Amino acid sequence: MKYFLLYIKQTLRFVLKPLSFVPAIIMMCLIFTFSSQDADTSSALSYKVGVEVLTVTNDVFDQGWTMSHIAALSEQYQHYIRKLAHFTEYLILAITVAFPLYVYGVRGIPLVFMAGVICVGYACLDEYHQSFIAGRTPMKKDIAIDSIGSFIGIIMTRVLGFTGRMTIFRPLAYKESERGY
């Protein structure tokens, strides 16, 4: 029975570990979809996000803003909303790329390098892709913002992974090392 459970555990790891890359692939598809929008569609989406965020802010902090004031603020902060979206997309991408690498045992500088190359490389390809979309242009500033988001996401993954290994998952690591796995 003991060996059967070990076999089940090893089989599940063999099957599930590769699936840990699925969120990264989904995030890449999402970024590609956003980058495929023409300039007008992209601006309209940013405007809608701004209105939603400012409406929630108005409700939570009881600012007393009118809808026309919220619309004007959304228009005014459009640039910052778009740059924050770049940062956030690549922060999430970095986490979804770095975590599976971490699970596969890539740690330290190799993790930063591998995940960084994937994320920054994708940012460069994404900006190049935008050069083919109506009204969109590739910008080095966007690659820089994407890269900063990526490296913060990678560092977050390293910190959380290390903390988890030293706290929550420490007993599991000891049990496996005692058994000789």
N, C-alpha and C. Protein backbone atom coordinates (compact mmCIF):
# COMPACT_ATOMS: atom_id res chain seq x y z
N MET A 1 0.82 -1.20 0.00
CA MET A 1 0.00 0.00 0.00
C MET A 1 0.87 1.26 0.00
N LYS A 2 1.94 1.23 0.78
CA LYS A 2 2.84 2.37 0.88
C LYS A 2 3.44 2.70 -0.49
N TYR A 3 3.84 1.68 -1.23
CA TYR A 3 4.44 1.90 -2.54
C TYR A 3 3.40 2.37 -3.57
N PHE A 4 2.18 1.90 -3.40
CA PHE A 4 1.10 2.33 -4.29
C PHE A 4 0.84 3.83 -4.11
N LEU A 5 0.80 4.29 -2.85
CA LEU A 5 0.58 5.72 -2.59
C LEU A 5 1.75 6.54 -3.12
N LEU A 6 2.95 6.03 -2.99
CA LEU A 6 4.13 6.71 -3.53
C LEU A 6 4.02 6.82 -5.05
N TYR A 7 3.57 5.74 -5.69
CA TYR A 7 3.39 5.72 -7.14
C TYR A 7 2.35 6.77 -7.56
N ILE A 8 1.24 6.84 -6.83
CA ILE A 8 0.18 7.82 -7.12
C ILE A 8 0.74 9.24 -6.98
N LYS A 9 1.48 9.48 -5.92
CA LYS A 9 2.06 10.80 -5.67
C LYS A 9 3.02 11.20 -6.80
N GLN A 10 3.88 10.29 -7.19
CA GLN A 10 4.84 10.58 -8.25
C GLN A 10 4.13 10.79 -9.59
N THR A 11 3.09 10.02 -9.85
CA THR A 11 2.33 10.18 -11.09
C THR A 11 1.62 11.52 -11.12
N LEU A 12 1.01 11.92 -10.01
CA LEU A 12 0.36 13.23 -9.95
C LEU A 12 1.35 14.36 -10.18
N ARG A 13 2.52 14.25 -9.56
CA ARG A 13 3.55 15.28 -9.79
C ARG A 13 3.96 15.33 -11.25
N PHE A 14 4.14 14.16 -11.84
CA PHE A 14 4.56 14.10 -13.24
C PHE A 14 3.51 14.75 -14.15
N VAL A 15 2.24 14.56 -13.84
CA VAL A 15 1.16 15.10 -14.66
C VAL A 15 0.91 16.58 -14.35
N LEU A 16 0.91 16.94 -13.08
CA LEU A 16 0.51 18.29 -12.69
C LEU A 16 1.62 19.34 -12.84
N LYS A 17 2.87 18.96 -12.68
CA LYS A 17 3.95 19.94 -12.78
C LYS A 17 3.95 20.68 -14.12
N PRO A 18 3.84 19.98 -15.26
CA PRO A 18 3.81 20.73 -16.53
C PRO A 18 2.59 21.65 -16.64
N LEU A 19 1.50 21.30 -15.99
CA LEU A 19 0.31 22.14 -16.04
C LEU A 19 0.50 23.45 -15.27
N SER A 20 1.55 23.54 -14.46
CA SER A 20 1.79 24.78 -13.73
C SER A 20 2.16 25.93 -14.66
N PHE A 21 2.50 25.63 -15.92
CA PHE A 21 2.80 26.69 -16.88
C PHE A 21 1.56 27.23 -17.57
N VAL A 22 0.42 26.60 -17.40
CA VAL A 22 -0.82 27.03 -18.06
C VAL A 22 -1.20 28.48 -17.71
N PRO A 23 -1.13 28.91 -16.44
CA PRO A 23 -1.45 30.32 -16.17
C PRO A 23 -0.56 31.31 -16.93
N ALA A 24 0.72 30.98 -17.11
CA ALA A 24 1.62 31.86 -17.86
C ALA A 24 1.19 31.95 -19.32
N ILE A 25 0.81 30.82 -19.89
CA ILE A 25 0.35 30.81 -21.28
C ILE A 25 -0.94 31.61 -21.42
N ILE A 26 -1.84 31.46 -20.46
CA ILE A 26 -3.08 32.24 -20.48
C ILE A 26 -2.78 33.73 -20.38
N MET A 27 -1.86 34.09 -19.49
CA MET A 27 -1.50 35.51 -19.33
C MET A 27 -0.88 36.06 -20.61
N MET A 28 -0.04 35.28 -21.27
CA MET A 28 0.56 35.72 -22.53
C MET A 28 -0.52 35.94 -23.60
N CYS A 29 -1.49 35.05 -23.64
CA CYS A 29 -2.60 35.20 -24.60
C CYS A 29 -3.42 36.45 -24.29
N LEU A 30 -3.63 36.72 -23.01
CA LEU A 30 -4.38 37.91 -22.60
C LEU A 30 -3.63 39.18 -23.00
N ILE A 31 -2.33 39.22 -22.75
CA ILE A 31 -1.52 40.38 -23.14
C ILE A 31 -1.56 40.56 -24.65
N PHE A 32 -1.42 39.46 -25.39
CA PHE A 32 -1.47 39.52 -26.85
C PHE A 32 -2.81 40.08 -27.32
N THR A 33 -3.90 39.65 -26.68
CA THR A 33 -5.23 40.12 -27.05
C THR A 33 -5.36 41.62 -26.81
N PHE A 34 -4.89 42.09 -25.66
CA PHE A 34 -4.94 43.54 -25.38
C PHE A 34 -4.10 44.31 -26.39
N SER A 35 -2.95 43.77 -26.75
CA SER A 35 -2.06 44.45 -27.71
C SER A 35 -2.61 44.43 -29.12
N SER A 36 -3.52 43.52 -29.39
CA SER A 36 -4.10 43.42 -30.73
C SER A 36 -5.23 44.43 -30.96
N GLN A 37 -5.64 45.12 -29.91
CA GLN A 37 -6.70 46.11 -30.05
C GLN A 37 -6.16 47.36 -30.75
N ASP A 38 -6.97 47.93 -31.63
CA ASP A 38 -6.54 49.19 -32.25
C ASP A 38 -6.54 50.29 -31.19
N ALA A 39 -5.98 51.43 -31.53
CA ALA A 39 -5.80 52.52 -30.57
C ALA A 39 -7.12 52.97 -29.96
N ASP A 40 -8.16 53.11 -30.76
CA ASP A 40 -9.44 53.59 -30.24
C ASP A 40 -10.06 52.60 -29.25
N THR A 41 -10.03 51.32 -29.58
CA THR A 41 -10.58 50.29 -28.70
C THR A 41 -9.79 50.23 -27.39
N SER A 42 -8.48 50.30 -27.49
CA SER A 42 -7.63 50.27 -26.31
C SER A 42 -7.89 51.47 -25.41
N SER A 43 -8.01 52.65 -26.00
CA SER A 43 -8.29 53.86 -25.22
C SER A 43 -9.65 53.78 -24.54
N ALA A 44 -10.64 53.26 -25.25
CA ALA A 44 -11.98 53.13 -24.67
C ALA A 44 -11.96 52.19 -23.48
N LEU A 45 -11.20 51.09 -23.58
CA LEU A 45 -11.09 50.15 -22.47
C LEU A 45 -10.41 50.82 -21.27
N SER A 46 -9.33 51.54 -21.52
CA SER A 46 -8.64 52.24 -20.43
C SER A 46 -9.55 53.26 -19.77
N TYR A 47 -10.33 53.95 -20.58
CA TYR A 47 -11.27 54.94 -20.06
C TYR A 47 -12.30 54.26 -19.15
N LYS A 48 -12.86 53.12 -19.61
CA LYS A 48 -13.85 52.39 -18.82
C LYS A 48 -13.26 51.89 -17.50
N VAL A 49 -12.03 51.40 -17.55
CA VAL A 49 -11.38 50.93 -16.33
C VAL A 49 -11.19 52.10 -15.37
N GLY A 50 -10.77 53.24 -15.91
CA GLY A 50 -10.59 54.44 -15.08
C GLY A 50 -11.89 54.86 -14.41
N VAL A 51 -12.97 54.84 -15.17
CA VAL A 51 -14.28 55.22 -14.61
C VAL A 51 -14.67 54.25 -13.50
N GLU A 52 -14.47 52.95 -13.73
CA GLU A 52 -14.83 51.96 -12.71
C GLU A 52 -14.01 52.14 -11.43
N VAL A 53 -12.71 52.30 -11.58
CA VAL A 53 -11.83 52.46 -10.41
C VAL A 53 -12.18 53.74 -9.66
N LEU A 54 -12.40 54.82 -10.38
CA LEU A 54 -12.73 56.09 -9.73
C LEU A 54 -14.12 56.06 -9.10
N THR A 55 -15.04 55.32 -9.69
CA THR A 55 -16.38 55.17 -9.09
C THR A 55 -16.28 54.42 -7.77
N VAL A 56 -15.51 53.35 -7.74
CA VAL A 56 -15.31 52.60 -6.50
C VAL A 56 -14.60 53.48 -5.47
N THR A 57 -13.59 54.22 -5.90
CA THR A 57 -12.88 55.14 -5.01
C THR A 57 -13.85 56.16 -4.42
N ASN A 58 -14.71 56.71 -5.26
CA ASN A 58 -15.71 57.68 -4.82
C ASN A 58 -16.64 57.06 -3.77
N ASP A 59 -17.08 55.84 -4.02
CA ASP A 59 -17.99 55.18 -3.09
C ASP A 59 -17.32 54.81 -1.77
N VAL A 60 -16.10 54.29 -1.85
CA VAL A 60 -15.40 53.84 -0.64
C VAL A 60 -15.01 55.02 0.24
N PHE A 61 -14.48 56.07 -0.38
CA PHE A 61 -13.99 57.21 0.39
C PHE A 61 -15.01 58.35 0.49
N ASP A 62 -16.22 58.11 -0.03
CA ASP A 62 -17.31 59.08 0.05
C ASP A 62 -16.85 60.49 -0.38
N GLN A 63 -16.33 60.57 -1.63
CA GLN A 63 -15.80 61.82 -2.15
C GLN A 63 -16.88 62.80 -2.63
N GLY A 64 -18.03 62.28 -3.00
CA GLY A 64 -19.10 63.13 -3.49
C GLY A 64 -18.91 63.60 -4.92
N TRP A 65 -18.13 62.85 -5.70
CA TRP A 65 -17.89 63.22 -7.09
C TRP A 65 -19.13 62.91 -7.94
N THR A 66 -19.36 63.75 -8.93
CA THR A 66 -20.43 63.48 -9.90
C THR A 66 -19.86 62.58 -10.99
N MET A 67 -20.75 62.00 -11.78
CA MET A 67 -20.29 61.13 -12.87
C MET A 67 -19.49 61.92 -13.90
N SER A 68 -19.85 63.17 -14.12
CA SER A 68 -19.09 63.97 -15.09
C SER A 68 -17.68 64.26 -14.55
N HIS A 69 -17.56 64.45 -13.24
CA HIS A 69 -16.24 64.67 -12.64
C HIS A 69 -15.40 63.39 -12.73
N ILE A 70 -16.04 62.24 -12.48
CA ILE A 70 -15.34 60.95 -12.59
C ILE A 70 -14.87 60.73 -14.03
N ALA A 71 -15.73 61.07 -15.00
CA ALA A 71 -15.36 60.92 -16.41
C ALA A 71 -14.17 61.82 -16.75
N ALA A 72 -14.19 63.05 -16.23
CA ALA A 72 -13.08 63.98 -16.49
C ALA A 72 -11.78 63.48 -15.85
N LEU A 73 -11.88 62.95 -14.64
CA LEU A 73 -10.69 62.40 -13.97
C LEU A 73 -10.14 61.19 -14.74
N SER A 74 -11.04 60.34 -15.22
CA SER A 74 -10.61 59.18 -16.00
C SER A 74 -9.86 59.61 -17.25
N GLU A 75 -10.36 60.63 -17.89
CA GLU A 75 -9.69 61.17 -19.09
C GLU A 75 -8.33 61.77 -18.71
N GLN A 76 -8.30 62.50 -17.60
CA GLN A 76 -7.07 63.16 -17.15
C GLN A 76 -5.98 62.15 -16.79
N TYR A 77 -6.37 61.04 -16.16
CA TYR A 77 -5.40 60.06 -15.70
C TYR A 77 -5.21 58.89 -16.66
N GLN A 78 -5.68 59.03 -17.89
CA GLN A 78 -5.61 57.99 -18.91
C GLN A 78 -4.19 57.42 -19.09
N HIS A 79 -3.22 58.31 -19.20
CA HIS A 79 -1.83 57.89 -19.40
C HIS A 79 -1.35 56.99 -18.25
N TYR A 80 -1.64 57.40 -17.03
CA TYR A 80 -1.19 56.65 -15.86
C TYR A 80 -1.91 55.31 -15.75
N ILE A 81 -3.17 55.29 -16.12
CA ILE A 81 -3.93 54.04 -16.09
C ILE A 81 -3.32 53.04 -17.07
N ARG A 82 -2.97 53.51 -18.25
CA ARG A 82 -2.39 52.63 -19.27
C ARG A 82 -1.02 52.09 -18.82
N LYS A 83 -0.21 52.95 -18.23
CA LYS A 83 1.12 52.51 -17.78
C LYS A 83 1.00 51.56 -16.59
N LEU A 84 0.05 51.81 -15.70
CA LEU A 84 -0.19 50.90 -14.59
C LEU A 84 -0.68 49.55 -15.10
N ALA A 85 -1.45 49.56 -16.17
CA ALA A 85 -1.91 48.30 -16.77
C ALA A 85 -0.71 47.51 -17.32
N HIS A 86 0.21 48.20 -17.99
CA HIS A 86 1.43 47.53 -18.48
C HIS A 86 2.17 46.89 -17.31
N PHE A 87 2.41 47.67 -16.27
CA PHE A 87 3.14 47.20 -15.10
C PHE A 87 2.46 45.97 -14.50
N THR A 88 1.14 46.05 -14.30
CA THR A 88 0.38 44.98 -13.66
C THR A 88 0.35 43.71 -14.51
N GLU A 89 0.15 43.86 -15.82
CA GLU A 89 0.14 42.69 -16.70
C GLU A 89 1.44 41.91 -16.58
N TYR A 90 2.55 42.62 -16.61
CA TYR A 90 3.84 41.94 -16.60
C TYR A 90 4.25 41.48 -15.21
N LEU A 91 3.76 42.11 -14.16
CA LEU A 91 3.96 41.61 -12.81
C LEU A 91 3.28 40.25 -12.68
N ILE A 92 2.04 40.16 -13.15
CA ILE A 92 1.30 38.89 -13.09
C ILE A 92 1.97 37.85 -14.00
N LEU A 93 2.39 38.27 -15.20
CA LEU A 93 3.08 37.34 -16.09
C LEU A 93 4.33 36.79 -15.42
N ALA A 94 5.10 37.65 -14.77
CA ALA A 94 6.33 37.20 -14.12
C ALA A 94 6.05 36.19 -13.02
N ILE A 95 5.02 36.42 -12.25
CA ILE A 95 4.66 35.47 -11.19
C ILE A 95 4.26 34.13 -11.80
N THR A 96 3.46 34.19 -12.88
CA THR A 96 3.00 32.94 -13.50
C THR A 96 4.11 32.22 -14.26
N VAL A 97 5.18 32.92 -14.60
CA VAL A 97 6.34 32.29 -15.24
C VAL A 97 7.32 31.79 -14.17
N ALA A 98 7.59 32.62 -13.16
CA ALA A 98 8.60 32.29 -12.16
C ALA A 98 8.15 31.16 -11.23
N PHE A 99 6.87 31.11 -10.90
CA PHE A 99 6.41 30.08 -9.96
C PHE A 99 6.64 28.66 -10.50
N PRO A 100 6.24 28.36 -11.74
CA PRO A 100 6.52 27.01 -12.23
C PRO A 100 8.01 26.70 -12.31
N LEU A 101 8.81 27.68 -12.67
CA LEU A 101 10.26 27.45 -12.69
C LEU A 101 10.75 27.13 -11.28
N TYR A 102 10.22 27.86 -10.31
CA TYR A 102 10.57 27.61 -8.91
C TYR A 102 10.17 26.20 -8.50
N VAL A 103 8.98 25.78 -8.92
CA VAL A 103 8.50 24.42 -8.62
C VAL A 103 9.44 23.38 -9.22
N TYR A 104 10.00 23.67 -10.38
CA TYR A 104 10.93 22.74 -11.03
C TYR A 104 12.34 22.81 -10.43
N GLY A 105 12.51 23.66 -9.41
CA GLY A 105 13.80 23.71 -8.72
C GLY A 105 14.74 24.79 -9.19
N VAL A 106 14.30 25.67 -10.06
CA VAL A 106 15.15 26.79 -10.49
C VAL A 106 15.05 27.85 -9.40
N ARG A 107 16.17 28.19 -8.80
CA ARG A 107 16.17 29.12 -7.67
C ARG A 107 17.28 30.16 -7.85
N GLY A 108 17.23 31.21 -7.06
CA GLY A 108 18.29 32.22 -7.03
C GLY A 108 18.43 32.98 -8.34
N ILE A 109 19.68 33.27 -8.69
CA ILE A 109 19.99 34.04 -9.89
C ILE A 109 19.50 33.36 -11.16
N PRO A 110 19.62 32.02 -11.28
CA PRO A 110 19.08 31.38 -12.49
C PRO A 110 17.58 31.62 -12.67
N LEU A 111 16.83 31.67 -11.57
CA LEU A 111 15.39 31.96 -11.66
C LEU A 111 15.18 33.37 -12.18
N VAL A 112 15.89 34.33 -11.61
CA VAL A 112 15.76 35.72 -12.04
C VAL A 112 16.12 35.84 -13.52
N PHE A 113 17.20 35.18 -13.92
CA PHE A 113 17.64 35.27 -15.31
C PHE A 113 16.65 34.62 -16.26
N MET A 114 16.25 33.37 -15.98
CA MET A 114 15.35 32.67 -16.90
C MET A 114 13.99 33.35 -17.01
N ALA A 115 13.38 33.63 -15.87
CA ALA A 115 12.07 34.28 -15.89
C ALA A 115 12.18 35.69 -16.48
N GLY A 116 13.28 36.37 -16.17
CA GLY A 116 13.50 37.72 -16.72
C GLY A 116 13.63 37.71 -18.23
N VAL A 117 14.38 36.76 -18.75
CA VAL A 117 14.54 36.67 -20.21
C VAL A 117 13.20 36.38 -20.88
N ILE A 118 12.42 35.48 -20.28
CA ILE A 118 11.11 35.15 -20.86
C ILE A 118 10.21 36.38 -20.86
N CYS A 119 10.10 37.05 -19.71
CA CYS A 119 9.17 38.18 -19.58
C CYS A 119 9.62 39.40 -20.39
N VAL A 120 10.89 39.76 -20.30
CA VAL A 120 11.37 40.93 -21.05
C VAL A 120 11.36 40.62 -22.55
N GLY A 121 11.71 39.39 -22.90
CA GLY A 121 11.64 38.99 -24.31
C GLY A 121 10.21 39.10 -24.83
N TYR A 122 9.26 38.65 -24.02
CA TYR A 122 7.86 38.75 -24.43
C TYR A 122 7.42 40.22 -24.53
N ALA A 123 7.91 41.07 -23.63
CA ALA A 123 7.59 42.50 -23.70
C ALA A 123 8.10 43.11 -25.01
N CYS A 124 9.31 42.72 -25.40
CA CYS A 124 9.88 43.23 -26.66
C CYS A 124 9.05 42.74 -27.85
N LEU A 125 8.71 41.47 -27.85
CA LEU A 125 7.88 40.93 -28.93
C LEU A 125 6.50 41.57 -28.96
N ASP A 126 5.96 41.85 -27.79
CA ASP A 126 4.65 42.48 -27.68
C ASP A 126 4.68 43.90 -28.28
N GLU A 127 5.71 44.64 -27.97
CA GLU A 127 5.82 46.00 -28.52
C GLU A 127 6.03 45.95 -30.04
N TYR A 128 6.81 44.98 -30.51
CA TYR A 128 7.00 44.82 -31.94
C TYR A 128 5.66 44.48 -32.61
N HIS A 129 4.91 43.60 -31.98
CA HIS A 129 3.59 43.21 -32.48
C HIS A 129 2.68 44.44 -32.62
N GLN A 130 2.79 45.37 -31.67
CA GLN A 130 1.94 46.57 -31.72
C GLN A 130 2.25 47.46 -32.92
N SER A 131 3.43 47.31 -33.48
CA SER A 131 3.77 48.14 -34.65
C SER A 131 2.93 47.79 -35.87
N PHE A 132 2.26 46.63 -35.82
CA PHE A 132 1.39 46.22 -36.93
C PHE A 132 -0.09 46.54 -36.69
N ILE A 133 -0.41 47.15 -35.55
CA ILE A 133 -1.78 47.44 -35.17
C ILE A 133 -2.09 48.91 -35.45
N ALA A 134 -3.27 49.16 -36.02
CA ALA A 134 -3.67 50.52 -36.39
C ALA A 134 -3.64 51.46 -35.18
N GLY A 135 -2.91 52.56 -35.32
CA GLY A 135 -2.86 53.58 -34.29
C GLY A 135 -1.95 53.27 -33.12
N ARG A 136 -1.29 52.13 -33.14
CA ARG A 136 -0.41 51.74 -32.03
C ARG A 136 1.04 51.83 -32.50
N THR A 137 1.91 52.17 -31.58
CA THR A 137 3.34 52.23 -31.90
C THR A 137 4.13 51.57 -30.77
N PRO A 138 5.22 50.91 -31.13
CA PRO A 138 6.06 50.32 -30.07
C PRO A 138 6.80 51.43 -29.32
N MET A 139 6.90 51.28 -28.00
CA MET A 139 7.58 52.29 -27.19
C MET A 139 8.57 51.63 -26.24
N LYS A 140 9.79 52.16 -26.22
CA LYS A 140 10.81 51.65 -25.31
C LYS A 140 10.40 51.86 -23.86
N LYS A 141 9.68 52.96 -23.61
CA LYS A 141 9.23 53.25 -22.25
C LYS A 141 8.31 52.13 -21.74
N ASP A 142 7.47 51.61 -22.62
CA ASP A 142 6.59 50.51 -22.23
C ASP A 142 7.38 49.25 -21.91
N ILE A 143 8.42 48.99 -22.68
CA ILE A 143 9.28 47.82 -22.39
C ILE A 143 9.94 48.00 -21.02
N ALA A 144 10.36 49.22 -20.71
CA ALA A 144 10.98 49.48 -19.41
C ALA A 144 9.97 49.26 -18.28
N ILE A 145 8.75 49.76 -18.45
CA ILE A 145 7.70 49.58 -17.44
C ILE A 145 7.37 48.09 -17.29
N ASP A 146 7.24 47.39 -18.42
CA ASP A 146 6.98 45.95 -18.39
C ASP A 146 8.10 45.21 -17.65
N SER A 147 9.33 45.60 -17.91
CA SER A 147 10.49 44.95 -17.28
C SER A 147 10.51 45.18 -15.78
N ILE A 148 10.20 46.39 -15.35
CA ILE A 148 10.15 46.67 -13.91
C ILE A 148 9.07 45.82 -13.24
N GLY A 149 7.89 45.76 -13.86
CA GLY A 149 6.82 44.91 -13.33
C GLY A 149 7.25 43.46 -13.27
N SER A 150 7.95 43.00 -14.32
CA SER A 150 8.42 41.61 -14.37
C SER A 150 9.38 41.31 -13.23
N PHE A 151 10.36 42.16 -13.04
CA PHE A 151 11.36 41.87 -12.01
C PHE A 151 10.79 41.97 -10.61
N ILE A 152 9.84 42.84 -10.39
CA ILE A 152 9.18 42.88 -9.08
C ILE A 152 8.38 41.59 -8.87
N GLY A 153 7.69 41.11 -9.91
CA GLY A 153 6.97 39.85 -9.81
C GLY A 153 7.89 38.67 -9.54
N ILE A 154 9.05 38.66 -10.18
CA ILE A 154 10.02 37.58 -9.96
C ILE A 154 10.54 37.61 -8.53
N ILE A 155 10.87 38.80 -8.04
CA ILE A 155 11.36 38.94 -6.67
C ILE A 155 10.27 38.52 -5.68
N MET A 156 9.02 38.91 -5.94
CA MET A 156 7.91 38.48 -5.07
C MET A 156 7.81 36.96 -5.03
N THR A 157 7.95 36.33 -6.17
CA THR A 157 7.89 34.86 -6.23
C THR A 157 9.03 34.24 -5.45
N ARG A 158 10.23 34.80 -5.58
CA ARG A 158 11.38 34.28 -4.83
C ARG A 158 11.15 34.40 -3.33
N VAL A 159 10.67 35.57 -2.90
CA VAL A 159 10.44 35.78 -1.47
C VAL A 159 9.36 34.84 -0.94
N LEU A 160 8.24 34.76 -1.67
CA LEU A 160 7.15 33.88 -1.23
C LEU A 160 7.57 32.41 -1.27
N GLY A 161 8.30 32.01 -2.30
CA GLY A 161 8.76 30.63 -2.39
C GLY A 161 9.71 30.27 -1.27
N PHE A 162 10.65 31.15 -1.00
CA PHE A 162 11.61 30.91 0.08
C PHE A 162 10.90 30.87 1.43
N THR A 163 10.01 31.84 1.66
CA THR A 163 9.27 31.88 2.91
C THR A 163 8.43 30.62 3.09
N GLY A 164 7.78 30.20 2.02
CA GLY A 164 6.98 28.97 2.08
C GLY A 164 7.82 27.75 2.38
N ARG A 165 8.97 27.66 1.75
CA ARG A 165 9.85 26.50 1.99
C ARG A 165 10.39 26.48 3.41
N MET A 166 10.60 27.66 3.98
CA MET A 166 11.15 27.74 5.33
C MET A 166 10.08 27.65 6.42
N THR A 167 8.82 27.79 6.05
CA THR A 167 7.75 27.77 7.05
C THR A 167 6.75 26.67 6.77
N ILE A 168 5.81 26.92 5.91
CA ILE A 168 4.68 26.02 5.67
C ILE A 168 5.13 24.65 5.15
N PHE A 169 6.01 24.64 4.16
CA PHE A 169 6.37 23.38 3.50
C PHE A 169 7.63 22.75 4.08
N ARG A 170 8.20 23.34 5.13
CA ARG A 170 9.41 22.78 5.74
C ARG A 170 9.21 21.35 6.22
N PRO A 171 8.11 21.06 6.93
CA PRO A 171 7.92 19.66 7.37
C PRO A 171 7.87 18.67 6.19
N LEU A 172 7.29 19.08 5.07
CA LEU A 172 7.24 18.19 3.90
C LEU A 172 8.63 17.95 3.35
N ALA A 173 9.46 18.98 3.33
CA ALA A 173 10.82 18.83 2.82
C ALA A 173 11.61 17.86 3.69
N TYR A 174 11.41 17.95 5.02
CA TYR A 174 12.11 17.03 5.91
C TYR A 174 11.65 15.60 5.72
N LYS A 175 10.35 15.39 5.58
CA LYS A 175 9.81 14.03 5.40
C LYS A 175 10.37 13.39 4.14
N GLU A 176 10.42 14.15 3.04
CA GLU A 176 10.93 13.60 1.79
C GLU A 176 12.42 13.32 1.88
N SER A 177 13.18 14.23 2.52
CA SER A 177 14.63 14.02 2.59
C SER A 177 14.96 12.84 3.52
N GLU A 178 14.13 12.61 4.54
CA GLU A 178 14.36 11.46 5.42
C GLU A 178 14.10 10.14 4.70
N ARG A 179 13.15 10.13 3.77
CA ARG A 179 12.81 8.91 3.04
C ARG A 179 13.79 8.65 1.91
N GLY A 180 14.55 9.68 1.52
CA GLY A 180 15.51 9.51 0.44
C GLY A 180 14.94 9.75 -0.94
N TYR A 181 13.86 10.56 -1.06
CA TYR A 181 13.25 10.85 -2.35
C TYR A 181 13.97 11.97 -3.01
